[in-house]
Amino acid sequence: MSLQVSLFTAVIVLIVGLYDISVAINRRHQPQKTAVYAYAILGVIFTILGIFLIINWLLKRG
C-alpha cells in the first residue's frame, strides 16, 4: 500500500497537534481534567502523525 501525502497536509496535521497541546497546557488548572487530558492525548497523536507524514514525504521525494 502506497501512502501518498502532500506537504501541505503534513504541516496542517502538525500545526493541529501543536495547537491541541498548547490548549491542554493553557487549561491545565481548570477543575474539569477530562477535557485537558483529551486535548493532550489528541495533541500528542496529531504531532507524532504530522512528524511521520513529513518524514514520509521527504523520503518519497528523494
PDB file of N, CA and C in Angstrom:
ATOM      1  N   MET A   1       0.836  -1.177   0.000  1.00  0.00           N
ATOM      2  CA  MET A   1       0.000   0.000   0.000  1.00  0.00           C
ATOM      3  C   MET A   1       0.882   1.242   0.000  1.00  0.00           C
ATOM      4  N   SER A   2       0.638   2.095  -0.926  1.00  0.00           N
ATOM      5  CA  SER A   2       1.433   3.300  -1.078  1.00  0.00           C
ATOM      6  C   SER A   2       0.737   4.474  -0.393  1.00  0.00           C
ATOM      7  N   LEU A   3       1.446   5.133   0.471  1.00  0.00           N
ATOM      8  CA  LEU A   3       0.896   6.286   1.184  1.00  0.00           C
ATOM      9  C   LEU A   3       1.366   7.545   0.468  1.00  0.00           C
ATOM     10  N   GLN A   4       0.443   8.248  -0.158  1.00  0.00           N
ATOM     11  CA  GLN A   4       0.767   9.491  -0.835  1.00  0.00           C
ATOM     12  C   GLN A   4       0.192  10.645  -0.037  1.00  0.00           C
ATOM     13  N   VAL A   5       1.047  11.553   0.333  1.00  0.00           N
ATOM     14  CA  VAL A   5       0.611  12.682   1.150  1.00  0.00           C
ATOM     15  C   VAL A   5       1.324  13.937   0.644  1.00  0.00           C
ATOM     16  N   SER A   6       0.640  15.056   0.714  1.00  0.00           N
ATOM     17  CA  SER A   6       1.270  16.306   0.319  1.00  0.00           C
ATOM     18  C   SER A   6       1.907  16.957   1.546  1.00  0.00           C
ATOM     19  N   LEU A   7       2.833  17.828   1.278  1.00  0.00           N
ATOM     20  CA  LEU A   7       3.493  18.536   2.366  1.00  0.00           C
ATOM     21  C   LEU A   7       2.497  19.428   3.104  1.00  0.00           C
ATOM     22  N   PHE A   8       1.555  20.009   2.380  1.00  0.00           N
ATOM     23  CA  PHE A   8       0.541  20.872   2.992  1.00  0.00           C
ATOM     24  C   PHE A   8      -0.262  20.104   4.048  1.00  0.00           C
ATOM     25  N   THR A   9      -0.671  18.899   3.731  1.00  0.00           N
ATOM     26  CA  THR A   9      -1.436  18.085   4.672  1.00  0.00           C
ATOM     27  C   THR A   9      -0.606  17.747   5.906  1.00  0.00           C
ATOM     28  N   ALA A  10       0.652  17.398   5.694  1.00  0.00           N
ATOM     29  CA  ALA A  10       1.525  17.046   6.816  1.00  0.00           C
ATOM     30  C   ALA A  10       1.737  18.237   7.746  1.00  0.00           C
ATOM     31  N   VAL A  11       1.922  19.411   7.181  1.00  0.00           N
ATOM     32  CA  VAL A  11       2.134  20.603   8.003  1.00  0.00           C
ATOM     33  C   VAL A  11       0.857  20.973   8.760  1.00  0.00           C
ATOM     34  N   ILE A  12      -0.291  20.836   8.127  1.00  0.00           N
ATOM     35  CA  ILE A  12      -1.564  21.139   8.802  1.00  0.00           C
ATOM     36  C   ILE A  12      -1.781  20.189   9.977  1.00  0.00           C
ATOM     37  N   VAL A  13      -1.507  18.907   9.797  1.00  0.00           N
ATOM     38  CA  VAL A  13      -1.664  17.934  10.886  1.00  0.00           C
ATOM     39  C   VAL A  13      -0.713  18.267  12.031  1.00  0.00           C
ATOM     40  N   LEU A  14       0.505  18.664  11.706  1.00  0.00           N
ATOM     41  CA  LEU A  14       1.469  19.037  12.738  1.00  0.00           C
ATOM     42  C   LEU A  14       1.015  20.287  13.486  1.00  0.00           C
ATOM     43  N   ILE A  15       0.502  21.273  12.783  1.00  0.00           N
ATOM     44  CA  ILE A  15       0.017  22.502  13.427  1.00  0.00           C
ATOM     45  C   ILE A  15      -1.170  22.210  14.342  1.00  0.00           C
ATOM     46  N   VAL A  16      -2.086  21.360  13.900  1.00  0.00           N
ATOM     47  CA  VAL A  16      -3.238  20.996  14.733  1.00  0.00           C
ATOM     48  C   VAL A  16      -2.771  20.285  16.001  1.00  0.00           C
ATOM     49  N   GLY A  17      -1.792  19.409  15.872  1.00  0.00           N
ATOM     50  CA  GLY A  17      -1.260  18.722  17.051  1.00  0.00           C
ATOM     51  C   GLY A  17      -0.623  19.672  18.040  1.00  0.00           C
ATOM     52  N   LEU A  18       0.172  20.606  17.547  1.00  0.00           N
ATOM     53  CA  LEU A  18       0.806  21.579  18.440  1.00  0.00           C
ATOM     54  C   LEU A  18      -0.225  22.512  19.077  1.00  0.00           C
ATOM     55  N   TYR A  19      -1.265  22.845  18.326  1.00  0.00           N
ATOM     56  CA  TYR A  19      -2.332  23.683  18.882  1.00  0.00           C
ATOM     57  C   TYR A  19      -3.066  22.954  20.002  1.00  0.00           C
ATOM     58  N   ASP A  20      -3.369  21.673  19.808  1.00  0.00           N
ATOM     59  CA  ASP A  20      -4.053  20.908  20.852  1.00  0.00           C
ATOM     60  C   ASP A  20      -3.196  20.801  22.109  1.00  0.00           C
ATOM     61  N   ILE A  21      -1.897  20.621  21.941  1.00  0.00           N
ATOM     62  CA  ILE A  21      -1.009  20.564  23.107  1.00  0.00           C
ATOM     63  C   ILE A  21      -0.992  21.911  23.834  1.00  0.00           C
ATOM     64  N   SER A  22      -0.964  23.002  23.076  1.00  0.00           N
ATOM     65  CA  SER A  22      -0.957  24.319  23.725  1.00  0.00           C
ATOM     66  C   SER A  22      -2.271  24.589  24.463  1.00  0.00           C
ATOM     67  N   VAL A  23      -3.398  24.127  23.904  1.00  0.00           N
ATOM     68  CA  VAL A  23      -4.688  24.280  24.597  1.00  0.00           C
ATOM     69  C   VAL A  23      -4.672  23.483  25.899  1.00  0.00           C
ATOM     70  N   ALA A  24      -4.127  22.287  25.856  1.00  0.00           N
ATOM     71  CA  ALA A  24      -4.058  21.463  27.071  1.00  0.00           C
ATOM     72  C   ALA A  24      -3.174  22.114  28.128  1.00  0.00           C
ATOM     73  N   ILE A  25      -2.077  22.719  27.701  1.00  0.00           N
ATOM     74  CA  ILE A  25      -1.189  23.378  28.662  1.00  0.00           C
ATOM     75  C   ILE A  25      -1.865  24.603  29.266  1.00  0.00           C
ATOM     76  N   ASN A  26      -2.591  25.361  28.446  1.00  0.00           N
ATOM     77  CA  ASN A  26      -3.251  26.569  28.962  1.00  0.00           C
ATOM     78  C   ASN A  26      -4.436  26.261  29.860  1.00  0.00           C
ATOM     79  N   ARG A  27      -5.043  25.099  29.719  1.00  0.00           N
ATOM     80  CA  ARG A  27      -6.227  24.751  30.529  1.00  0.00           C
ATOM     81  C   ARG A  27      -5.909  23.763  31.657  1.00  0.00           C
ATOM     82  N   ARG A  28      -4.673  23.569  31.985  1.00  0.00           N
ATOM     83  CA  ARG A  28      -4.316  22.537  32.961  1.00  0.00           C
ATOM     84  C   ARG A  28      -4.774  22.858  34.383  1.00  0.00           C
ATOM     85  N   HIS A  29      -5.119  24.103  34.667  1.00  0.00           N
ATOM     86  CA  HIS A  29      -5.563  24.473  36.020  1.00  0.00           C
ATOM     87  C   HIS A  29      -7.074  24.514  36.159  1.00  0.00           C
ATOM     88  N   GLN A  30      -7.804  24.083  35.145  1.00  0.00           N
ATOM     89  CA  GLN A  30      -9.260  24.063  35.232  1.00  0.00           C
ATOM     90  C   GLN A  30      -9.724  22.860  36.054  1.00  0.00           C
ATOM     91  N   PRO A  31     -10.874  22.981  36.704  1.00  0.00           N
ATOM     92  CA  PRO A  31     -11.340  21.887  37.553  1.00  0.00           C
ATOM     93  C   PRO A  31     -11.721  20.622  36.784  1.00  0.00           C
ATOM     94  N   GLN A  32     -12.171  20.753  35.544  1.00  0.00           N
ATOM     95  CA  GLN A  32     -12.560  19.575  34.770  1.00  0.00           C
ATOM     96  C   GLN A  32     -11.347  19.068  33.991  1.00  0.00           C
ATOM     97  N   LYS A  33     -10.746  17.989  34.466  1.00  0.00           N
ATOM     98  CA  LYS A  33      -9.494  17.497  33.901  1.00  0.00           C
ATOM     99  C   LYS A  33      -9.684  16.590  32.692  1.00  0.00           C
ATOM    100  N   THR A  34     -10.880  16.053  32.465  1.00  0.00           N
ATOM    101  CA  THR A  34     -11.037  15.115  31.346  1.00  0.00           C
ATOM    102  C   THR A  34     -10.848  15.806  30.002  1.00  0.00           C
ATOM    103  N   ALA A  35     -11.297  17.044  29.871  1.00  0.00           N
ATOM    104  CA  ALA A  35     -11.099  17.775  28.617  1.00  0.00           C
ATOM    105  C   ALA A  35      -9.625  18.080  28.401  1.00  0.00           C
ATOM    106  N   VAL A  36      -8.914  18.384  29.462  1.00  0.00           N
ATOM    107  CA  VAL A  36      -7.483  18.668  29.352  1.00  0.00           C
ATOM    108  C   VAL A  36      -6.737  17.417  28.902  1.00  0.00           C
ATOM    109  N   TYR A  37      -7.074  16.275  29.463  1.00  0.00           N
ATOM    110  CA  TYR A  37      -6.424  15.027  29.063  1.00  0.00           C
ATOM    111  C   TYR A  37      -6.754  14.676  27.611  1.00  0.00           C
ATOM    112  N   ALA A  38      -7.983  14.944  27.189  1.00  0.00           N
ATOM    113  CA  ALA A  38      -8.364  14.645  25.811  1.00  0.00           C
ATOM    114  C   ALA A  38      -7.567  15.504  24.831  1.00  0.00           C
ATOM    115  N   TYR A  39      -7.437  16.797  25.127  1.00  0.00           N
ATOM    116  CA  TYR A  39      -6.638  17.665  24.263  1.00  0.00           C
ATOM    117  C   TYR A  39      -5.173  17.233  24.239  1.00  0.00           C
ATOM    118  N   ALA A  40      -4.653  16.841  25.381  1.00  0.00           N
ATOM    119  CA  ALA A  40      -3.256  16.425  25.439  1.00  0.00           C
ATOM    120  C   ALA A  40      -3.019  15.150  24.628  1.00  0.00           C
ATOM    121  N   ILE A  41      -3.908  14.191  24.768  1.00  0.00           N
ATOM    122  CA  ILE A  41      -3.755  12.929  24.026  1.00  0.00           C
ATOM    123  C   ILE A  41      -3.884  13.162  22.524  1.00  0.00           C
ATOM    124  N   LEU A  42      -4.898  13.927  22.110  1.00  0.00           N
ATOM    125  CA  LEU A  42      -5.058  14.225  20.687  1.00  0.00           C
ATOM    126  C   LEU A  42      -3.876  15.024  20.155  1.00  0.00           C
ATOM    127  N   GLY A  43      -3.353  15.940  20.945  1.00  0.00           N
ATOM    128  CA  GLY A  43      -2.194  16.723  20.524  1.00  0.00           C
ATOM    129  C   GLY A  43      -0.972  15.867  20.285  1.00  0.00           C
ATOM    130  N   VAL A  44      -0.731  14.930  21.174  1.00  0.00           N
ATOM    131  CA  VAL A  44       0.421  14.037  21.008  1.00  0.00           C
ATOM    132  C   VAL A  44       0.240  13.156  19.775  1.00  0.00           C
ATOM    133  N   ILE A  45      -0.963  12.630  19.582  1.00  0.00           N
ATOM    134  CA  ILE A  45      -1.217  11.765  18.420  1.00  0.00           C
ATOM    135  C   ILE A  45      -1.031  12.543  17.119  1.00  0.00           C
ATOM    136  N   PHE A  46      -1.625  13.741  17.030  1.00  0.00           N
ATOM    137  CA  PHE A  46      -1.506  14.527  15.804  1.00  0.00           C
ATOM    138  C   PHE A  46      -0.069  14.991  15.558  1.00  0.00           C
ATOM    139  N   THR A  47       0.659  15.327  16.613  1.00  0.00           N
ATOM    140  CA  THR A  47       2.042  15.758  16.445  1.00  0.00           C
ATOM    141  C   THR A  47       2.912  14.621  15.933  1.00  0.00           C
ATOM    142  N   ILE A  48       2.767  13.438  16.510  1.00  0.00           N
ATOM    143  CA  ILE A  48       3.539  12.289  16.047  1.00  0.00           C
ATOM    144  C   ILE A  48       3.177  11.934  14.614  1.00  0.00           C
ATOM    145  N   LEU A  49       1.881  11.967  14.300  1.00  0.00           N
ATOM    146  CA  LEU A  49       1.442  11.677  12.932  1.00  0.00           C
ATOM    147  C   LEU A  49       1.968  12.721  11.946  1.00  0.00           C
ATOM    148  N   GLY A  50       1.965  13.988  12.327  1.00  0.00           N
ATOM    149  CA  GLY A  50       2.491  15.035  11.456  1.00  0.00           C
ATOM    150  C   GLY A  50       3.968  14.873  11.176  1.00  0.00           C
ATOM    151  N   ILE A  51       4.736  14.537  12.207  1.00  0.00           N
ATOM    152  CA  ILE A  51       6.171  14.299  12.017  1.00  0.00           C
ATOM    153  C   ILE A  51       6.392  13.090  11.124  1.00  0.00           C
ATOM    154  N   PHE A  52       5.617  12.036  11.336  1.00  0.00           N
ATOM    155  CA  PHE A  52       5.719  10.845  10.493  1.00  0.00           C
ATOM    156  C   PHE A  52       5.404  11.172   9.033  1.00  0.00           C
ATOM    157  N   LEU A  53       4.361  11.967   8.800  1.00  0.00           N
ATOM    158  CA  LEU A  53       3.986  12.314   7.427  1.00  0.00           C
ATOM    159  C   LEU A  53       5.050  13.178   6.751  1.00  0.00           C
ATOM    160  N   ILE A  54       5.654  14.107   7.494  1.00  0.00           N
ATOM    161  CA  ILE A  54       6.718  14.926   6.910  1.00  0.00           C
ATOM    162  C   ILE A  54       7.932  14.074   6.565  1.00  0.00           C
ATOM    163  N   ILE A  55       8.309  13.161   7.455  1.00  0.00           N
ATOM    164  CA  ILE A  55       9.438  12.268   7.169  1.00  0.00           C
ATOM    165  C   ILE A  55       9.126  11.375   5.971  1.00  0.00           C
ATOM    166  N   ASN A  56       7.901  10.864   5.917  1.00  0.00           N
ATOM    167  CA  ASN A  56       7.496  10.031   4.792  1.00  0.00           C
ATOM    168  C   ASN A  56       7.521  10.824   3.471  1.00  0.00           C
ATOM    169  N   TRP A  57       7.069  12.070   3.516  1.00  0.00           N
ATOM    170  CA  TRP A  57       7.099  12.916   2.322  1.00  0.00           C
ATOM    171  C   TRP A  57       8.531  13.174   1.876  1.00  0.00           C
ATOM    172  N   LEU A  58       9.429  13.422   2.835  1.00  0.00           N
ATOM    173  CA  LEU A  58      10.823  13.659   2.484  1.00  0.00           C
ATOM    174  C   LEU A  58      11.479  12.417   1.885  1.00  0.00           C
ATOM    175  N   LEU A  59      11.154  11.257   2.413  1.00  0.00           N
ATOM    176  CA  LEU A  59      11.732  10.020   1.880  1.00  0.00           C
ATOM    177  C   LEU A  59      11.209   9.707   0.479  1.00  0.00           C
ATOM    178  N   LYS A  60       9.941   9.973   0.237  1.00  0.00           N
ATOM    179  CA  LYS A  60       9.363   9.722  -1.083  1.00  0.00           C
ATOM    180  C   LYS A  60       9.909  10.707  -2.122  1.00  0.00           C
ATOM    181  N   ARG A  61      10.251  11.896  -1.660  1.00  0.00           N
ATOM    182  CA  ARG A  61      10.723  12.933  -2.566  1.00  0.00           C
ATOM    183  C   ARG A  61      12.110  12.602  -3.104  1.00  0.00           C
ATOM    184  N   GLY A  62      12.903  11.923  -2.306  1.00  0.00           N
ATOM    185  CA  GLY A  62      14.208  11.508  -2.810  1.00  0.00           C
ATOM    186  C   GLY A  62      15.285  12.182  -2.154  1.00  0.00           C
TER     187      GLY A  62
END
